[in-house]
PDB file of all heavy atoms in Angstrom:
ATOM      1  N   GLY A   1      -5.373  16.857   0.588  1.00  0.00           N
ATOM      2  CA  GLY A   1      -6.048  16.895   1.875  1.00  0.00           C
ATOM      3  C   GLY A   1      -5.648  15.704   2.720  1.00  0.00           C
ATOM      4  O   GLY A   1      -5.131  14.703   2.202  1.00  0.00           O
ATOM      5  N   ARG A   2      -5.897  15.772   4.008  1.00  0.00           N
ATOM      6  CA  ARG A   2      -5.516  14.668   4.894  1.00  0.00           C
ATOM      7  C   ARG A   2      -6.210  13.365   4.517  1.00  0.00           C
ATOM      8  O   ARG A   2      -5.600  12.299   4.515  1.00  0.00           O
ATOM      9  CB  ARG A   2      -5.829  15.026   6.349  1.00  0.00           C
ATOM     10  CG  ARG A   2      -4.846  16.004   6.979  1.00  0.00           C
ATOM     11  CD  ARG A   2      -5.203  16.262   8.425  1.00  0.00           C
ATOM     12  NE  ARG A   2      -6.535  16.848   8.523  1.00  0.00           N
ATOM     13  CZ  ARG A   2      -7.281  16.830   9.627  1.00  0.00           C
ATOM     14  NH1 ARG A   2      -6.827  16.245  10.718  1.00  0.00           N
ATOM     15  NH2 ARG A   2      -8.472  17.391   9.655  1.00  0.00           N
ATOM     16  N   ASP A   3      -7.505  13.449   4.212  1.00  0.00           N
ATOM     17  CA  ASP A   3      -8.246  12.232   3.854  1.00  0.00           C
ATOM     18  C   ASP A   3      -7.711  11.626   2.557  1.00  0.00           C
ATOM     19  O   ASP A   3      -7.628  10.400   2.427  1.00  0.00           O
ATOM     20  CB  ASP A   3      -9.743  12.539   3.704  1.00  0.00           C
ATOM     21  CG  ASP A   3     -10.407  12.808   5.046  1.00  0.00           C
ATOM     22  OD1 ASP A   3      -9.823  12.435   6.079  1.00  0.00           O
ATOM     23  OD2 ASP A   3     -11.507  13.406   5.057  1.00  0.00           O
ATOM     24  N   GLU A   4      -7.354  12.477   1.615  1.00  0.00           N
ATOM     25  CA  GLU A   4      -6.783  11.988   0.354  1.00  0.00           C
ATOM     26  C   GLU A   4      -5.443  11.292   0.606  1.00  0.00           C
ATOM     27  O   GLU A   4      -5.165  10.226   0.042  1.00  0.00           O
ATOM     28  CB  GLU A   4      -6.571  13.144  -0.614  1.00  0.00           C
ATOM     29  CG  GLU A   4      -7.843  13.731  -1.186  1.00  0.00           C
ATOM     30  CD  GLU A   4      -7.557  14.905  -2.099  1.00  0.00           C
ATOM     31  OE1 GLU A   4      -6.893  15.864  -1.667  1.00  0.00           O
ATOM     32  OE2 GLU A   4      -7.985  14.851  -3.271  1.00  0.00           O
ATOM     33  N   LEU A   5      -4.628  11.898   1.439  1.00  0.00           N
ATOM     34  CA  LEU A   5      -3.328  11.306   1.767  1.00  0.00           C
ATOM     35  C   LEU A   5      -3.498   9.958   2.472  1.00  0.00           C
ATOM     36  O   LEU A   5      -2.766   9.007   2.196  1.00  0.00           O
ATOM     37  CB  LEU A   5      -2.521  12.259   2.651  1.00  0.00           C
ATOM     38  CG  LEU A   5      -2.013  13.537   1.981  1.00  0.00           C
ATOM     39  CD1 LEU A   5      -1.452  14.492   3.019  1.00  0.00           C
ATOM     40  CD2 LEU A   5      -0.948  13.214   0.929  1.00  0.00           C
ATOM     41  N   LYS A   6      -4.481   9.896   3.364  1.00  0.00           N
ATOM     42  CA  LYS A   6      -4.741   8.647   4.080  1.00  0.00           C
ATOM     43  C   LYS A   6      -5.148   7.541   3.114  1.00  0.00           C
ATOM     44  O   LYS A   6      -4.664   6.409   3.205  1.00  0.00           O
ATOM     45  CB  LYS A   6      -5.841   8.853   5.127  1.00  0.00           C
ATOM     46  CG  LYS A   6      -5.409   9.638   6.350  1.00  0.00           C
ATOM     47  CD  LYS A   6      -6.586   9.858   7.297  1.00  0.00           C
ATOM     48  CE  LYS A   6      -6.191  10.700   8.487  1.00  0.00           C
ATOM     49  NZ  LYS A   6      -7.354  10.972   9.375  1.00  0.00           N
ATOM     50  N   GLN A   7      -6.056   7.855   2.187  1.00  0.00           N
ATOM     51  CA  GLN A   7      -6.507   6.856   1.214  1.00  0.00           C
ATOM     52  C   GLN A   7      -5.374   6.408   0.297  1.00  0.00           C
ATOM     53  O   GLN A   7      -5.242   5.223  -0.023  1.00  0.00           O
ATOM     54  CB  GLN A   7      -7.668   7.427   0.385  1.00  0.00           C
ATOM     55  CG  GLN A   7      -8.958   7.617   1.162  1.00  0.00           C
ATOM     56  CD  GLN A   7      -9.451   6.322   1.799  1.00  0.00           C
ATOM     57  OE1 GLN A   7      -9.470   5.259   1.166  1.00  0.00           O
ATOM     58  NE2 GLN A   7      -9.836   6.404   3.059  1.00  0.00           N
ATOM     59  N   LEU A   8      -4.556   7.367  -0.124  1.00  0.00           N
ATOM     60  CA  LEU A   8      -3.422   7.034  -0.983  1.00  0.00           C
ATOM     61  C   LEU A   8      -2.431   6.155  -0.246  1.00  0.00           C
ATOM     62  O   LEU A   8      -1.870   5.207  -0.816  1.00  0.00           O
ATOM     63  CB  LEU A   8      -2.746   8.323  -1.460  1.00  0.00           C
ATOM     64  CG  LEU A   8      -1.587   8.167  -2.458  1.00  0.00           C
ATOM     65  CD1 LEU A   8      -2.034   7.412  -3.702  1.00  0.00           C
ATOM     66  CD2 LEU A   8      -1.031   9.534  -2.846  1.00  0.00           C
ATOM     67  N   LEU A   9      -2.214   6.440   1.036  1.00  0.00           N
ATOM     68  CA  LEU A   9      -1.295   5.645   1.845  1.00  0.00           C
ATOM     69  C   LEU A   9      -1.817   4.225   2.033  1.00  0.00           C
ATOM     70  O   LEU A   9      -1.063   3.257   1.920  1.00  0.00           O
ATOM     71  CB  LEU A   9      -1.085   6.314   3.202  1.00  0.00           C
ATOM     72  CG  LEU A   9      -0.135   5.597   4.175  1.00  0.00           C
ATOM     73  CD1 LEU A   9       1.246   5.415   3.555  1.00  0.00           C
ATOM     74  CD2 LEU A   9      -0.026   6.381   5.479  1.00  0.00           C
ATOM     75  N   ILE A  10      -3.116   4.087   2.278  1.00  0.00           N
ATOM     76  CA  ILE A  10      -3.727   2.762   2.434  1.00  0.00           C
ATOM     77  C   ILE A  10      -3.556   1.942   1.160  1.00  0.00           C
ATOM     78  O   ILE A  10      -3.169   0.771   1.196  1.00  0.00           O
ATOM     79  CB  ILE A  10      -5.226   2.891   2.792  1.00  0.00           C
ATOM     80  CG1 ILE A  10      -5.383   3.427   4.214  1.00  0.00           C
ATOM     81  CG2 ILE A  10      -5.938   1.540   2.657  1.00  0.00           C
ATOM     82  CD1 ILE A  10      -6.809   3.815   4.571  1.00  0.00           C
ATOM     83  N   ALA A  11      -3.846   2.567   0.012  1.00  0.00           N
ATOM     84  CA  ALA A  11      -3.730   1.878  -1.279  1.00  0.00           C
ATOM     85  C   ALA A  11      -2.282   1.501  -1.569  1.00  0.00           C
ATOM     86  O   ALA A  11      -2.003   0.389  -2.049  1.00  0.00           O
ATOM     87  CB  ALA A  11      -4.278   2.764  -2.393  1.00  0.00           C
ATOM     88  N   SER A  12      -1.352   2.398  -1.266  1.00  0.00           N
ATOM     89  CA  SER A  12       0.074   2.140  -1.524  1.00  0.00           C
ATOM     90  C   SER A  12       0.597   1.020  -0.631  1.00  0.00           C
ATOM     91  O   SER A  12       1.368   0.172  -1.069  1.00  0.00           O
ATOM     92  CB  SER A  12       0.892   3.411  -1.299  1.00  0.00           C
ATOM     93  OG  SER A  12       0.517   4.422  -2.197  1.00  0.00           O
ATOM     94  N   ARG A  13       0.174   1.014   0.627  1.00  0.00           N
ATOM     95  CA  ARG A  13       0.599  -0.047   1.550  1.00  0.00           C
ATOM     96  C   ARG A  13       0.086  -1.409   1.104  1.00  0.00           C
ATOM     97  O   ARG A  13       0.789  -2.412   1.229  1.00  0.00           O
ATOM     98  CB  ARG A  13       0.091   0.259   2.962  1.00  0.00           C
ATOM     99  CG  ARG A  13       0.932   1.272   3.726  1.00  0.00           C
ATOM    100  CD  ARG A  13       0.317   1.560   5.071  1.00  0.00           C
ATOM    101  NE  ARG A  13       1.164   2.400   5.891  1.00  0.00           N
ATOM    102  CZ  ARG A  13       0.758   2.995   7.009  1.00  0.00           C
ATOM    103  NH1 ARG A  13      -0.500   2.841   7.410  1.00  0.00           N
ATOM    104  NH2 ARG A  13       1.595   3.731   7.713  1.00  0.00           N
ATOM    105  N   GLU A  14      -1.131  -1.446   0.575  1.00  0.00           N
ATOM    106  CA  GLU A  14      -1.704  -2.706   0.110  1.00  0.00           C
ATOM    107  C   GLU A  14      -0.927  -3.230  -1.099  1.00  0.00           C
ATOM    108  O   GLU A  14      -0.622  -4.429  -1.178  1.00  0.00           O
ATOM    109  CB  GLU A  14      -3.179  -2.508  -0.255  1.00  0.00           C
ATOM    110  CG  GLU A  14      -3.881  -3.755  -0.763  1.00  0.00           C
ATOM    111  CD  GLU A  14      -3.895  -4.906   0.234  1.00  0.00           C
ATOM    112  OE1 GLU A  14      -3.739  -4.653   1.447  1.00  0.00           O
ATOM    113  OE2 GLU A  14      -4.044  -6.064  -0.203  1.00  0.00           O
ATOM    114  N   LYS A  15      -0.580  -2.340  -2.029  1.00  0.00           N
ATOM    115  CA  LYS A  15       0.224  -2.740  -3.185  1.00  0.00           C
ATOM    116  C   LYS A  15       1.588  -3.267  -2.735  1.00  0.00           C
ATOM    117  O   LYS A  15       2.081  -4.264  -3.245  1.00  0.00           O
ATOM    118  CB  LYS A  15       0.408  -1.556  -4.138  1.00  0.00           C
ATOM    119  CG  LYS A  15      -0.847  -1.132  -4.864  1.00  0.00           C
ATOM    120  CD  LYS A  15      -0.584   0.102  -5.730  1.00  0.00           C
ATOM    121  CE  LYS A  15      -1.852   0.585  -6.406  1.00  0.00           C
ATOM    122  NZ  LYS A  15      -1.619   1.823  -7.197  1.00  0.00           N
ATOM    123  N   LEU A  16       2.180  -2.564  -1.780  1.00  0.00           N
ATOM    124  CA  LEU A  16       3.489  -2.975  -1.282  1.00  0.00           C
ATOM    125  C   LEU A  16       3.407  -4.321  -0.584  1.00  0.00           C
ATOM    126  O   LEU A  16       4.293  -5.167  -0.745  1.00  0.00           O
ATOM    127  CB  LEU A  16       4.036  -1.913  -0.325  1.00  0.00           C
ATOM    128  CG  LEU A  16       5.406  -2.209   0.298  1.00  0.00           C
ATOM    129  CD1 LEU A  16       6.474  -2.362  -0.782  1.00  0.00           C
ATOM    130  CD2 LEU A  16       5.802  -1.095   1.269  1.00  0.00           C
ATOM    131  N   ARG A  17       2.344  -4.540   0.183  1.00  0.00           N
ATOM    132  CA  ARG A  17       2.175  -5.809   0.884  1.00  0.00           C
ATOM    133  C   ARG A  17       2.108  -6.976  -0.098  1.00  0.00           C
ATOM    134  O   ARG A  17       2.734  -8.020   0.114  1.00  0.00           O
ATOM    135  CB  ARG A  17       0.887  -5.772   1.723  1.00  0.00           C
ATOM    136  CG  ARG A  17       0.673  -7.017   2.586  1.00  0.00           C
ATOM    137  CD  ARG A  17      -0.687  -6.968   3.261  1.00  0.00           C
ATOM    138  NE  ARG A  17      -1.774  -7.022   2.306  1.00  0.00           N
ATOM    139  CZ  ARG A  17      -2.223  -8.137   1.748  1.00  0.00           C
ATOM    140  NH1 ARG A  17      -1.658  -9.309   2.032  1.00  0.00           N
ATOM    141  NH2 ARG A  17      -3.220  -8.102   0.888  1.00  0.00           N
ATOM    142  N   ILE A  18       1.383  -6.781  -1.199  1.00  0.00           N
ATOM    143  CA  ILE A  18       1.251  -7.840  -2.212  1.00  0.00           C
ATOM    144  C   ILE A  18       2.608  -8.125  -2.862  1.00  0.00           C
ATOM    145  O   ILE A  18       2.995  -9.279  -3.047  1.00  0.00           O
ATOM    146  CB  ILE A  18       0.214  -7.427  -3.276  1.00  0.00           C
ATOM    147  CG1 ILE A  18      -1.180  -7.367  -2.650  1.00  0.00           C
ATOM    148  CG2 ILE A  18       0.235  -8.396  -4.452  1.00  0.00           C
ATOM    149  CD1 ILE A  18      -2.243  -6.771  -3.554  1.00  0.00           C
ATOM    150  N   ILE A  19       3.342  -7.065  -3.201  1.00  0.00           N
ATOM    151  CA  ILE A  19       4.647  -7.239  -3.836  1.00  0.00           C
ATOM    152  C   ILE A  19       5.641  -7.890  -2.879  1.00  0.00           C
ATOM    153  O   ILE A  19       6.409  -8.775  -3.271  1.00  0.00           O
ATOM    154  CB  ILE A  19       5.192  -5.875  -4.321  1.00  0.00           C
ATOM    155  CG1 ILE A  19       4.366  -5.389  -5.514  1.00  0.00           C
ATOM    156  CG2 ILE A  19       6.665  -5.977  -4.718  1.00  0.00           C
ATOM    157  CD1 ILE A  19       4.747  -4.023  -6.011  1.00  0.00           C
ATOM    158  N   GLU A  20       5.610  -7.495  -1.613  1.00  0.00           N
ATOM    159  CA  GLU A  20       6.512  -8.093  -0.627  1.00  0.00           C
ATOM    160  C   GLU A  20       6.225  -9.573  -0.448  1.00  0.00           C
ATOM    161  O   GLU A  20       7.145 -10.381  -0.307  1.00  0.00           O
ATOM    162  CB  GLU A  20       6.394  -7.352   0.703  1.00  0.00           C
ATOM    163  CG  GLU A  20       7.060  -5.990   0.709  1.00  0.00           C
ATOM    164  CD  GLU A  20       6.879  -5.249   2.019  1.00  0.00           C
ATOM    165  OE1 GLU A  20       5.864  -5.499   2.711  1.00  0.00           O
ATOM    166  OE2 GLU A  20       7.730  -4.422   2.358  1.00  0.00           O
ATOM    167  N   GLN A  21       4.940  -9.941  -0.456  1.00  0.00           N
ATOM    168  CA  GLN A  21       4.567 -11.347  -0.323  1.00  0.00           C
ATOM    169  C   GLN A  21       5.075 -12.160  -1.516  1.00  0.00           C
ATOM    170  O   GLN A  21       5.645 -13.248  -1.354  1.00  0.00           O
ATOM    171  CB  GLN A  21       3.052 -11.483  -0.218  1.00  0.00           C
ATOM    172  CG  GLN A  21       2.485 -11.082   1.143  1.00  0.00           C
ATOM    173  CD  GLN A  21       0.989 -11.258   1.217  1.00  0.00           C
ATOM    174  OE1 GLN A  21       0.291 -11.345   0.183  1.00  0.00           O
ATOM    175  NE2 GLN A  21       0.448 -11.287   2.412  1.00  0.00           N
ATOM    176  N   LYS A  22       4.895 -11.631  -2.729  1.00  0.00           N
ATOM    177  CA  LYS A  22       5.372 -12.323  -3.927  1.00  0.00           C
ATOM    178  C   LYS A  22       6.888 -12.417  -3.909  1.00  0.00           C
ATOM    179  O   LYS A  22       7.478 -13.445  -4.251  1.00  0.00           O
ATOM    180  CB  LYS A  22       4.916 -11.569  -5.186  1.00  0.00           C
ATOM    181  CG  LYS A  22       3.429 -11.660  -5.457  1.00  0.00           C
ATOM    182  CD  LYS A  22       3.065 -10.929  -6.733  1.00  0.00           C
ATOM    183  CE  LYS A  22       1.591 -11.055  -7.048  1.00  0.00           C
ATOM    184  NZ  LYS A  22       1.215 -10.328  -8.293  1.00  0.00           N
ATOM    185  N   PHE A  23       7.523 -11.321  -3.488  1.00  0.00           N
ATOM    186  CA  PHE A  23       8.972 -11.280  -3.464  1.00  0.00           C
ATOM    187  C   PHE A  23       9.525 -12.296  -2.464  1.00  0.00           C
ATOM    188  O   PHE A  23      10.474 -13.008  -2.752  1.00  0.00           O
ATOM    189  CB  PHE A  23       9.442  -9.868  -3.088  1.00  0.00           C
ATOM    190  CG  PHE A  23      10.905  -9.640  -3.320  1.00  0.00           C
ATOM    191  CD1 PHE A  23      11.380  -9.261  -4.563  1.00  0.00           C
ATOM    192  CD2 PHE A  23      11.811  -9.811  -2.293  1.00  0.00           C
ATOM    193  CE1 PHE A  23      12.725  -9.056  -4.774  1.00  0.00           C
ATOM    194  CE2 PHE A  23      13.170  -9.603  -2.497  1.00  0.00           C
ATOM    195  CZ  PHE A  23      13.621  -9.228  -3.742  1.00  0.00           C
ATOM    196  N   ASN A  24       8.913 -12.373  -1.276  1.00  0.00           N
ATOM    197  CA  ASN A  24       9.353 -13.314  -0.249  1.00  0.00           C
ATOM    198  C   ASN A  24       9.174 -14.751  -0.708  1.00  0.00           C
ATOM    199  O   ASN A  24       9.976 -15.636  -0.428  1.00  0.00           O
ATOM    200  CB  ASN A  24       8.603 -13.080   1.054  1.00  0.00           C
ATOM    201  CG  ASN A  24       8.979 -11.777   1.732  1.00  0.00           C
ATOM    202  OD1 ASN A  24      10.072 -11.263   1.518  1.00  0.00           O
ATOM    203  ND2 ASN A  24       8.086 -11.237   2.546  1.00  0.00           N
ATOM    204  N   THR A  25       8.063 -15.005  -1.441  1.00  0.00           N
ATOM    205  CA  THR A  25       7.812 -16.339  -1.970  1.00  0.00           C
ATOM    206  C   THR A  25       8.854 -16.719  -3.019  1.00  0.00           C
ATOM    207  O   THR A  25       9.348 -17.840  -3.048  1.00  0.00           O
ATOM    208  CB  THR A  25       6.402 -16.403  -2.604  1.00  0.00           C
ATOM    209  OG1 THR A  25       5.429 -16.083  -1.610  1.00  0.00           O
ATOM    210  CG2 THR A  25       6.122 -17.796  -3.147  1.00  0.00           C
TER     211      THR A  25
END
């Protein structure tokens, strides 16, 4: 469903943001 996709996208973006920050450091 759209709401499920939105929640999954939010969670995935947050994981990616954390990994990108660690990677940049």
